[in-house]
């Protein structure tokens, strides 16, 4: 890359290439935990997939979904937060008590 390009920044020299992957969105009702457990029991750890799980819950209900799903998958589980970078090989859950 030429350093004379007007778009060039020094950080570009060290930037890692973006890895392509699939982001899978899964929606569930309040009673959907069993279906999610069965789903994650039956898929292998997929390194090219990220899963984003959104469950419909009362805003004052503190979900234990992360702790419960850990028994059904080898993938890492994270609570989603603003500006989080979604990475393949991970599961992202709605934050607890999200209002």
Foldseek 3Di string as FASTA:
>chain_A
DDPVDPPDDPVVVVDDDDDAAEEAEAEEEPPCLVVLLVVLLPDAQDQRYEYEYEYDDDLVAFDPSQVVSVVRHPAAEEEDDPPDDTHGSHYYYHHTSDD
